[in-house]
């Protein structure tokens, strides 16, 4: 699929991975609609992209709210005549042991990561069928298997795989491309926050070593998935190695996590 001249919506695209995806799509000549809940950050990102000469507009809204999703897609149709590409990037991270996690944390993570993906896809699907377009879900290596101390996040990202698998078959006869991208440890924006088990928010510690992928790595994987209309895609060599290790020798991954938990327990005694 050629990207030049297409209309793309990227949810959660004012910083980090989402912003990089929007940037790369715009560089390829797409008309991009960026999205976010923080109006100030959205406006700053829009100004930055406009200054670079990109064909970009912005929609301030919460994609975990069905009404906002309806307005978002209606805006795309009114301004551009339809939707060719939808990238479901929005999501929140969580930390904490399962039995210490508040009910509200599970609800918040599922609302954002699952319903915040379902709602825009539901609204955009009729237009994607018309354009024979592409919908891409941004998942995580944490969606390949459960990882200790991030259960809400893992289950939300695993849910995206089943959703993508179902949609891929349901929409095949309409010519819609469905893709899912599994992202590994990625350098985060300094303002990125994580939801702790007690429901409080904290700034995520910045990841900056050489073993961490860049947001641009994910953006390139997303563009490749759209252009090649590929289904499951994993970012980076480390991510691919983990993917195949989990597929071929899950006991190795299991042992590693159990050993890590044992070491953590000993350190806390």
C-alpha atoms as a PDB file:
ATOM      1  CA  UNK A   1       0.000   0.000   0.000  1.00  0.00           C
ATOM      2  CA  UNK A   2       1.344   3.420  -0.952  1.00  0.00           C
ATOM      3  CA  UNK A   3       1.247   5.953   1.866  1.00  0.00           C
ATOM      4  CA  UNK A   4       1.547   9.171  -0.143  1.00  0.00           C
ATOM      5  CA  UNK A   5      -1.807  10.900  -0.406  1.00  0.00           C
ATOM      6  CA  UNK A   6      -3.502   8.683   2.188  1.00  0.00           C
ATOM      7  CA  UNK A   7      -5.325   9.889   5.300  1.00  0.00           C
ATOM      8  CA  UNK A   8      -4.072   8.481   8.593  1.00  0.00           C
ATOM      9  CA  UNK A   9      -5.309   8.694  12.187  1.00  0.00           C
ATOM     10  CA  UNK A  10      -2.799   7.928  14.940  1.00  0.00           C
ATOM     11  CA  UNK A  11      -4.204   7.765  18.456  1.00  0.00           C
ATOM     12  CA  UNK A  12      -2.050   8.919  21.361  1.00  0.00           C
ATOM     13  CA  UNK A  13       0.362  10.719  19.051  1.00  0.00           C
ATOM     14  CA  UNK A  14       1.659  13.728  20.964  1.00  0.00           C
ATOM     15  CA  UNK A  15       4.847  12.078  22.241  1.00  0.00           C
ATOM     16  CA  UNK A  16       6.956   8.920  22.116  1.00  0.00           C
ATOM     17  CA  UNK A  17       6.066   6.118  19.731  1.00  0.00           C
ATOM     18  CA  UNK A  18       2.793   7.653  18.549  1.00  0.00           C
ATOM     19  CA  UNK A  19       4.433  10.955  17.665  1.00  0.00           C
ATOM     20  CA  UNK A  20       7.215   9.159  15.791  1.00  0.00           C
ATOM     21  CA  UNK A  21       4.669   7.135  13.793  1.00  0.00           C
ATOM     22  CA  UNK A  22       2.817  10.344  12.882  1.00  0.00           C
ATOM     23  CA  UNK A  23       6.114  11.972  11.897  1.00  0.00           C
ATOM     24  CA  UNK A  24       7.136   9.103   9.614  1.00  0.00           C
ATOM     25  CA  UNK A  25       3.714   8.851   7.961  1.00  0.00           C
ATOM     26  CA  UNK A  26       3.734  12.602   7.325  1.00  0.00           C
ATOM     27  CA  UNK A  27       7.239  12.395   5.841  1.00  0.00           C
ATOM     28  CA  UNK A  28       5.895   9.765   3.431  1.00  0.00           C
ATOM     29  CA  UNK A  29       3.243  12.210   2.242  1.00  0.00           C
ATOM     30  CA  UNK A  30       0.190  11.140   4.245  1.00  0.00           C
ATOM     31  CA  UNK A  31      -2.362  13.602   5.618  1.00  0.00           C
ATOM     32  CA  UNK A  32      -2.085  12.854   9.319  1.00  0.00           C
ATOM     33  CA  UNK A  33      -4.570  13.440  12.127  1.00  0.00           C
ATOM     34  CA  UNK A  34      -2.805  13.422  15.479  1.00  0.00           C
ATOM     35  CA  UNK A  35      -4.748  12.788  18.667  1.00  0.00           C
ATOM     36  CA  UNK A  36      -4.356  13.269  22.389  1.00  0.00           C
ATOM     37  CA  UNK A  37      -6.180  14.288  25.569  1.00  0.00           C
ATOM     38  CA  UNK A  38      -3.694  16.964  26.638  1.00  0.00           C
ATOM     39  CA  UNK A  39      -4.664  20.034  24.606  1.00  0.00           C
ATOM     40  CA  UNK A  40      -1.416  21.910  25.283  1.00  0.00           C
ATOM     41  CA  UNK A  41       0.791  19.018  24.230  1.00  0.00           C
ATOM     42  CA  UNK A  42      -1.420  18.375  21.196  1.00  0.00           C
ATOM     43  CA  UNK A  43      -1.143  22.001  20.126  1.00  0.00           C
ATOM     44  CA  UNK A  44       2.637  22.006  20.557  1.00  0.00           C
ATOM     45  CA  UNK A  45       2.998  18.843  18.476  1.00  0.00           C
ATOM     46  CA  UNK A  46       0.734  20.254  15.773  1.00  0.00           C
ATOM     47  CA  UNK A  47       2.781  23.466  15.600  1.00  0.00           C
ATOM     48  CA  UNK A  48       6.000  21.470  15.369  1.00  0.00           C
ATOM     49  CA  UNK A  49       4.677  19.355  12.500  1.00  0.00           C
ATOM     50  CA  UNK A  50       3.183  22.362  10.688  1.00  0.00           C
ATOM     51  CA  UNK A  51       6.529  24.156  10.947  1.00  0.00           C
ATOM     52  CA  UNK A  52       8.140  21.123   9.288  1.00  0.00           C
ATOM     53  CA  UNK A  53       5.717  21.498   6.390  1.00  0.00           C
ATOM     54  CA  UNK A  54       3.658  18.368   7.053  1.00  0.00           C
ATOM     55  CA  UNK A  55      -0.022  17.972   6.137  1.00  0.00           C
ATOM     56  CA  UNK A  56      -1.183  17.471   9.721  1.00  0.00           C
ATOM     57  CA  UNK A  57      -4.274  18.367  11.734  1.00  0.00           C
ATOM     58  CA  UNK A  58      -5.206  17.606  15.333  1.00  0.00           C
ATOM     59  CA  UNK A  59      -8.185  16.213  17.216  1.00  0.00           C
ATOM     60  CA  UNK A  60      -8.371  16.656  20.978  1.00  0.00           C
ATOM     61  CA  UNK A  61     -10.244  13.716  22.504  1.00  0.00           C
ATOM     62  CA  UNK A  62     -10.211  10.596  24.666  1.00  0.00           C
ATOM     63  CA  UNK A  63     -10.422   7.425  22.552  1.00  0.00           C
ATOM     64  CA  UNK A  64     -11.661   5.419  25.534  1.00  0.00           C
ATOM     65  CA  UNK A  65     -14.827   7.527  25.165  1.00  0.00           C
ATOM     66  CA  UNK A  66     -17.095   6.231  22.338  1.00  0.00           C
ATOM     67  CA  UNK A  67     -18.527   9.705  21.726  1.00  0.00           C
ATOM     68  CA  UNK A  68     -15.064  11.181  21.168  1.00  0.00           C
ATOM     69  CA  UNK A  69     -14.218   8.366  18.735  1.00  0.00           C
ATOM     70  CA  UNK A  70     -17.378   9.063  16.764  1.00  0.00           C
ATOM     71  CA  UNK A  71     -16.394  12.736  16.535  1.00  0.00           C
ATOM     72  CA  UNK A  72     -12.807  11.861  15.582  1.00  0.00           C
ATOM     73  CA  UNK A  73     -13.839   9.715  12.629  1.00  0.00           C
ATOM     74  CA  UNK A  74     -16.539  12.194  11.597  1.00  0.00           C
ATOM     75  CA  UNK A  75     -13.838  14.886  11.573  1.00  0.00           C
ATOM     76  CA  UNK A  76     -11.630  12.754   9.323  1.00  0.00           C
ATOM     77  CA  UNK A  77     -14.497  12.151   6.922  1.00  0.00           C
ATOM     78  CA  UNK A  78     -15.509  15.814   6.812  1.00  0.00           C
ATOM     79  CA  UNK A  79     -11.966  17.135   6.371  1.00  0.00           C
ATOM     80  CA  UNK A  80     -10.410  14.448   4.170  1.00  0.00           C
ATOM     81  CA  UNK A  81     -13.293  12.409   2.785  1.00  0.00           C
ATOM     82  CA  UNK A  82     -12.431   9.201   4.624  1.00  0.00           C
ATOM     83  CA  UNK A  83      -9.798   7.170   6.438  1.00  0.00           C
ATOM     84  CA  UNK A  84      -7.108   5.008   4.828  1.00  0.00           C
ATOM     85  CA  UNK A  85      -4.944   4.208   7.850  1.00  0.00           C
ATOM     86  CA  UNK A  86      -5.743   3.861  11.552  1.00  0.00           C
ATOM     87  CA  UNK A  87      -2.915   3.251  13.998  1.00  0.00           C
ATOM     88  CA  UNK A  88      -4.162   2.337  17.480  1.00  0.00           C
ATOM     89  CA  UNK A  89      -1.247   3.463  19.607  1.00  0.00           C
ATOM     90  CA  UNK A  90      -2.826   4.891  22.765  1.00  0.00           C
ATOM     91  CA  UNK A  91      -2.107   3.011  25.979  1.00  0.00           C
ATOM     92  CA  UNK A  92      -0.928   3.189  29.582  1.00  0.00           C
ATOM     93  CA  UNK A  93       1.646   1.098  31.439  1.00  0.00           C
ATOM     94  CA  UNK A  94       1.190  -0.395  34.903  1.00  0.00           C
ATOM     95  CA  UNK A  95       3.443  -1.729  37.643  1.00  0.00           C
ATOM     96  CA  UNK A  96       2.790  -3.861  40.726  1.00  0.00           C
ATOM     97  CA  UNK A  97       2.027  -7.373  41.966  1.00  0.00           C
ATOM     98  CA  UNK A  98      -1.409  -8.734  41.051  1.00  0.00           C
ATOM     99  CA  UNK A  99      -2.809  -9.077  44.572  1.00  0.00           C
ATOM    100  CA  UNK A 100      -1.645  -5.577  45.505  1.00  0.00           C
ATOM    101  CA  UNK A 101      -3.309  -3.933  42.514  1.00  0.00           C
ATOM    102  CA  UNK A 102      -6.462  -1.879  43.046  1.00  0.00           C
ATOM    103  CA  UNK A 103      -9.600  -2.685  41.093  1.00  0.00           C
ATOM    104  CA  UNK A 104      -9.492   0.790  39.584  1.00  0.00           C
ATOM    105  CA  UNK A 105      -6.068   0.133  38.063  1.00  0.00           C
ATOM    106  CA  UNK A 106      -7.337  -2.879  36.114  1.00  0.00           C
ATOM    107  CA  UNK A 107     -10.314  -0.847  34.955  1.00  0.00           C
ATOM    108  CA  UNK A 108      -8.167   2.103  33.885  1.00  0.00           C
ATOM    109  CA  UNK A 109      -5.678  -0.043  31.950  1.00  0.00           C
ATOM    110  CA  UNK A 110      -8.405  -2.013  30.172  1.00  0.00           C
ATOM    111  CA  UNK A 111     -10.372   1.144  29.365  1.00  0.00           C
ATOM    112  CA  UNK A 112      -7.331   2.776  27.798  1.00  0.00           C
ATOM    113  CA  UNK A 113      -5.486  -0.120  26.165  1.00  0.00           C
ATOM    114  CA  UNK A 114      -8.415  -2.289  25.059  1.00  0.00           C
ATOM    115  CA  UNK A 115     -11.548  -0.146  24.808  1.00  0.00           C
ATOM    116  CA  UNK A 116      -9.422   2.790  23.634  1.00  0.00           C
ATOM    117  CA  UNK A 117      -8.464   0.576  20.700  1.00  0.00           C
ATOM    118  CA  UNK A 118     -11.845  -1.028  20.054  1.00  0.00           C
ATOM    119  CA  UNK A 119     -13.878   2.209  19.937  1.00  0.00           C
ATOM    120  CA  UNK A 120     -11.906   4.049  17.213  1.00  0.00           C
ATOM    121  CA  UNK A 121     -11.670   0.844  15.179  1.00  0.00           C
ATOM    122  CA  UNK A 122     -15.430   0.327  15.354  1.00  0.00           C
ATOM    123  CA  UNK A 123     -16.060   3.875  14.120  1.00  0.00           C
ATOM    124  CA  UNK A 124     -13.406   3.806  11.396  1.00  0.00           C
ATOM    125  CA  UNK A 125     -14.106   0.322  10.006  1.00  0.00           C
ATOM    126  CA  UNK A 126     -16.830   1.338   7.506  1.00  0.00           C
ATOM    127  CA  UNK A 127     -14.458   3.924   6.010  1.00  0.00           C
ATOM    128  CA  UNK A 128     -11.533   1.468   6.036  1.00  0.00           C
ATOM    129  CA  UNK A 129     -13.673  -1.017   4.117  1.00  0.00           C
ATOM    130  CA  UNK A 130     -14.454   1.628   1.527  1.00  0.00           C
ATOM    131  CA  UNK A 131     -10.786   2.574   1.128  1.00  0.00           C
ATOM    132  CA  UNK A 132      -9.482  -0.994   1.507  1.00  0.00           C
ATOM    133  CA  UNK A 133      -7.277   0.573   4.086  1.00  0.00           C
ATOM    134  CA  UNK A 134      -5.120  -0.519   6.983  1.00  0.00           C
ATOM    135  CA  UNK A 135      -5.622  -0.767  10.752  1.00  0.00           C
ATOM    136  CA  UNK A 136      -2.538  -1.384  12.887  1.00  0.00           C
ATOM    137  CA  UNK A 137      -2.505  -2.240  16.585  1.00  0.00           C
ATOM    138  CA  UNK A 138       0.513  -1.299  18.708  1.00  0.00           C
ATOM    139  CA  UNK A 139       1.050  -4.152  21.149  1.00  0.00           C
ATOM    140  CA  UNK A 140       4.071  -5.213  23.178  1.00  0.00           C
ATOM    141  CA  UNK A 141       6.341  -8.158  23.829  1.00  0.00           C
ATOM    142  CA  UNK A 142       4.405  -8.210  27.114  1.00  0.00           C
ATOM    143  CA  UNK A 143       1.455  -9.300  24.989  1.00  0.00           C
ATOM    144  CA  UNK A 144       3.193 -12.544  24.001  1.00  0.00           C
ATOM    145  CA  UNK A 145       3.140 -14.002  27.508  1.00  0.00           C
ATOM    146  CA  UNK A 146       2.370 -12.933  31.047  1.00  0.00           C
ATOM    147  CA  UNK A 147       5.190 -11.128  32.830  1.00  0.00           C
ATOM    148  CA  UNK A 148       5.283 -10.817  36.634  1.00  0.00           C
ATOM    149  CA  UNK A 149       4.331  -7.505  38.224  1.00  0.00           C
ATOM    150  CA  UNK A 150       2.651  -6.048  35.128  1.00  0.00           C
ATOM    151  CA  UNK A 151      -0.418  -8.314  34.857  1.00  0.00           C
ATOM    152  CA  UNK A 152      -2.953  -5.604  33.857  1.00  0.00           C
ATOM    153  CA  UNK A 153      -0.685  -4.366  31.084  1.00  0.00           C
ATOM    154  CA  UNK A 154       0.069  -7.885  29.806  1.00  0.00           C
ATOM    155  CA  UNK A 155      -3.577  -8.934  29.649  1.00  0.00           C
ATOM    156  CA  UNK A 156      -4.516  -5.722  27.833  1.00  0.00           C
ATOM    157  CA  UNK A 157      -1.815  -6.235  25.212  1.00  0.00           C
ATOM    158  CA  UNK A 158      -2.646  -9.930  24.801  1.00  0.00           C
ATOM    159  CA  UNK A 159      -6.244  -8.912  24.130  1.00  0.00           C
ATOM    160  CA  UNK A 160      -5.071  -6.945  21.097  1.00  0.00           C
ATOM    161  CA  UNK A 161      -3.706 -10.116  19.494  1.00  0.00           C
ATOM    162  CA  UNK A 162      -7.053 -11.905  19.668  1.00  0.00           C
ATOM    163  CA  UNK A 163      -8.810  -8.776  18.424  1.00  0.00           C
ATOM    164  CA  UNK A 164      -6.427  -8.452  15.473  1.00  0.00           C
ATOM    165  CA  UNK A 165      -6.722 -12.160  14.647  1.00  0.00           C
ATOM    166  CA  UNK A 166     -10.514 -11.970  14.610  1.00  0.00           C
ATOM    167  CA  UNK A 167     -10.623  -8.778  12.547  1.00  0.00           C
ATOM    168  CA  UNK A 168      -8.101 -10.081  10.040  1.00  0.00           C
ATOM    169  CA  UNK A 169     -10.469 -12.904   9.060  1.00  0.00           C
ATOM    170  CA  UNK A 170     -13.683 -10.883   9.324  1.00  0.00           C
ATOM    171  CA  UNK A 171     -12.449  -8.075   7.081  1.00  0.00           C
ATOM    172  CA  UNK A 172     -10.394 -10.080   4.572  1.00  0.00           C
ATOM    173  CA  UNK A 173     -13.159 -10.151   1.962  1.00  0.00           C
ATOM    174  CA  UNK A 174     -13.401  -6.336   2.144  1.00  0.00           C
ATOM    175  CA  UNK A 175      -9.705  -5.874   1.395  1.00  0.00           C
ATOM    176  CA  UNK A 176      -8.861  -4.363   4.784  1.00  0.00           C
ATOM    177  CA  UNK A 177      -5.329  -4.919   6.032  1.00  0.00           C
ATOM    178  CA  UNK A 178      -4.988  -5.725   9.740  1.00  0.00           C
ATOM    179  CA  UNK A 179      -1.566  -5.615  11.360  1.00  0.00           C
ATOM    180  CA  UNK A 180      -0.181  -5.838  14.877  1.00  0.00           C
ATOM    181  CA  UNK A 181       3.248  -4.634  15.979  1.00  0.00           C
ATOM    182  CA  UNK A 182       4.949  -6.050  19.078  1.00  0.00           C
ATOM    183  CA  UNK A 183       7.133  -3.402  20.669  1.00  0.00           C
ATOM    184  CA  UNK A 184      10.006  -4.175  23.018  1.00  0.00           C
ATOM    185  CA  UNK A 185      11.831  -1.989  25.544  1.00  0.00           C
ATOM    186  CA  UNK A 186      11.761   1.477  23.969  1.00  0.00           C
ATOM    187  CA  UNK A 187      13.335   4.787  24.907  1.00  0.00           C
ATOM    188  CA  UNK A 188      10.530   6.713  26.562  1.00  0.00           C
ATOM    189  CA  UNK A 189       9.570  10.373  26.581  1.00  0.00           C
ATOM    190  CA  UNK A 190      10.718  12.142  29.784  1.00  0.00           C
ATOM    191  CA  UNK A 191       7.073  12.891  30.659  1.00  0.00           C
ATOM    192  CA  UNK A 192       5.859   9.316  30.213  1.00  0.00           C
ATOM    193  CA  UNK A 193       3.974   8.141  33.295  1.00  0.00           C
ATOM    194  CA  UNK A 194       3.222   4.702  34.730  1.00  0.00           C
ATOM    195  CA  UNK A 195       0.252   3.629  36.866  1.00  0.00           C
ATOM    196  CA  UNK A 196       1.228   1.933  40.121  1.00  0.00           C
ATOM    197  CA  UNK A 197      -0.737  -0.780  41.945  1.00  0.00           C
ATOM    198  CA  UNK A 198      -2.236   1.683  44.424  1.00  0.00           C
ATOM    199  CA  UNK A 199      -3.606   3.861  41.636  1.00  0.00           C
ATOM    200  CA  UNK A 200      -0.999   6.611  41.864  1.00  0.00           C
ATOM    201  CA  UNK A 201       0.920   7.898  38.857  1.00  0.00           C
ATOM    202  CA  UNK A 202       4.684   8.313  38.648  1.00  0.00           C
ATOM    203  CA  UNK A 203       7.084   9.422  35.941  1.00  0.00           C
ATOM    204  CA  UNK A 204       8.592   6.397  34.232  1.00  0.00           C
ATOM    205  CA  UNK A 205      12.339   6.148  34.698  1.00  0.00           C
ATOM    206  CA  UNK A 206      14.028   7.115  31.459  1.00  0.00           C
ATOM    207  CA  UNK A 207      15.430   4.263  29.419  1.00  0.00           C
ATOM    208  CA  UNK A 208      18.566   5.229  27.609  1.00  0.00           C
ATOM    209  CA  UNK A 209      21.043   2.396  27.258  1.00  0.00           C
ATOM    210  CA  UNK A 210      22.199   0.794  24.018  1.00  0.00           C
ATOM    211  CA  UNK A 211      19.889  -2.214  24.438  1.00  0.00           C
ATOM    212  CA  UNK A 212      16.786  -0.015  24.165  1.00  0.00           C
ATOM    213  CA  UNK A 213      14.965   0.557  20.876  1.00  0.00           C
ATOM    214  CA  UNK A 214      14.036   4.035  19.658  1.00  0.00           C
ATOM    215  CA  UNK A 215      10.492   5.205  18.857  1.00  0.00           C
ATOM    216  CA  UNK A 216      11.646   5.545  15.247  1.00  0.00           C
ATOM    217  CA  UNK A 217      12.321   1.784  15.160  1.00  0.00           C
ATOM    218  CA  UNK A 218       8.655   1.122  15.899  1.00  0.00           C
ATOM    219  CA  UNK A 219       7.574   3.776  13.386  1.00  0.00           C
ATOM    220  CA  UNK A 220       9.575   2.080  10.651  1.00  0.00           C
ATOM    221  CA  UNK A 221       8.038  -1.277  11.543  1.00  0.00           C
ATOM    222  CA  UNK A 222       4.554   0.246  11.337  1.00  0.00           C
ATOM    223  CA  UNK A 223       5.244   1.761   7.929  1.00  0.00           C
ATOM    224  CA  UNK A 224       6.659  -1.542   6.679  1.00  0.00           C
ATOM    225  CA  UNK A 225       3.573  -3.378   7.951  1.00  0.00           C
ATOM    226  CA  UNK A 226       1.302  -0.944   6.108  1.00  0.00           C
ATOM    227  CA  UNK A 227       3.287  -0.972   2.875  1.00  0.00           C
ATOM    228  CA  UNK A 228       3.658  -4.768   2.814  1.00  0.00           C
ATOM    229  CA  UNK A 229       0.220  -5.391   4.366  1.00  0.00           C
ATOM    230  CA  UNK A 230       1.846  -7.826   6.782  1.00  0.00           C
ATOM    231  CA  UNK A 231       0.122  -9.214   9.876  1.00  0.00           C
ATOM    232  CA  UNK A 232       2.360  -9.869  12.889  1.00  0.00           C
ATOM    233  CA  UNK A 233       5.491  -7.739  13.178  1.00  0.00           C
ATOM    234  CA  UNK A 234       8.138  -7.506  15.913  1.00  0.00           C
ATOM    235  CA  UNK A 235      10.384  -4.477  16.426  1.00  0.00           C
ATOM    236  CA  UNK A 236      14.162  -4.909  16.458  1.00  0.00           C
ATOM    237  CA  UNK A 237      16.513  -7.872  16.586  1.00  0.00           C
ATOM    238  CA  UNK A 238      16.127  -8.254  20.352  1.00  0.00           C
ATOM    239  CA  UNK A 239      12.365  -8.279  20.001  1.00  0.00           C
ATOM    240  CA  UNK A 240      12.493 -10.889  17.235  1.00  0.00           C
ATOM    241  CA  UNK A 241      14.846 -13.053  19.317  1.00  0.00           C
ATOM    242  CA  UNK A 242      12.432 -12.892  22.282  1.00  0.00           C
ATOM    243  CA  UNK A 243       9.473 -13.670  20.014  1.00  0.00           C
ATOM    244  CA  UNK A 244      11.064 -16.831  18.649  1.00  0.00           C
ATOM    245  CA  UNK A 245      12.446 -17.878  22.025  1.00  0.00           C
ATOM    246  CA  UNK A 246       8.949 -17.652  23.478  1.00  0.00           C
ATOM    247  CA  UNK A 247       7.535 -19.613  20.527  1.00  0.00           C
ATOM    248  CA  UNK A 248      10.188 -22.353  20.429  1.00  0.00           C
ATOM    249  CA  UNK A 249      11.467 -22.614  24.018  1.00  0.00           C
ATOM    250  CA  UNK A 250       8.966 -20.985  26.398  1.00  0.00           C
ATOM    251  CA  UNK A 251      10.450 -22.902  29.315  1.00  0.00           C
ATOM    252  CA  UNK A 252      13.632 -20.794  28.989  1.00  0.00           C
ATOM    253  CA  UNK A 253      11.637 -17.579  29.315  1.00  0.00           C
ATOM    254  CA  UNK A 254       9.641 -19.082  32.192  1.00  0.00           C
ATOM    255  CA  UNK A 255      12.829 -20.045  34.048  1.00  0.00           C
ATOM    256  CA  UNK A 256      14.254 -16.564  33.548  1.00  0.00           C
ATOM    257  CA  UNK A 257      11.178 -14.878  35.022  1.00  0.00           C
ATOM    258  CA  UNK A 258      10.963 -17.292  37.967  1.00  0.00           C
ATOM    259  CA  UNK A 259      14.646 -16.824  38.731  1.00  0.00           C
ATOM    260  CA  UNK A 260      14.179 -13.071  38.562  1.00  0.00           C
ATOM    261  CA  UNK A 261      11.289 -13.250  41.039  1.00  0.00           C
ATOM    262  CA  UNK A 262      13.344 -15.410  43.389  1.00  0.00           C
ATOM    263  CA  UNK A 263      16.228 -12.947  43.256  1.00  0.00           C
ATOM    264  CA  UNK A 264      13.860 -10.053  43.942  1.00  0.00           C
ATOM    265  CA  UNK A 265      12.343 -11.888  46.911  1.00  0.00           C
ATOM    266  CA  UNK A 266      15.762 -12.585  48.396  1.00  0.00           C
ATOM    267  CA  UNK A 267      16.760  -8.938  47.963  1.00  0.00           C
ATOM    268  CA  UNK A 268      13.653  -7.804  49.835  1.00  0.00           C
ATOM    269  CA  UNK A 269      14.217 -10.099  52.843  1.00  0.00           C
END
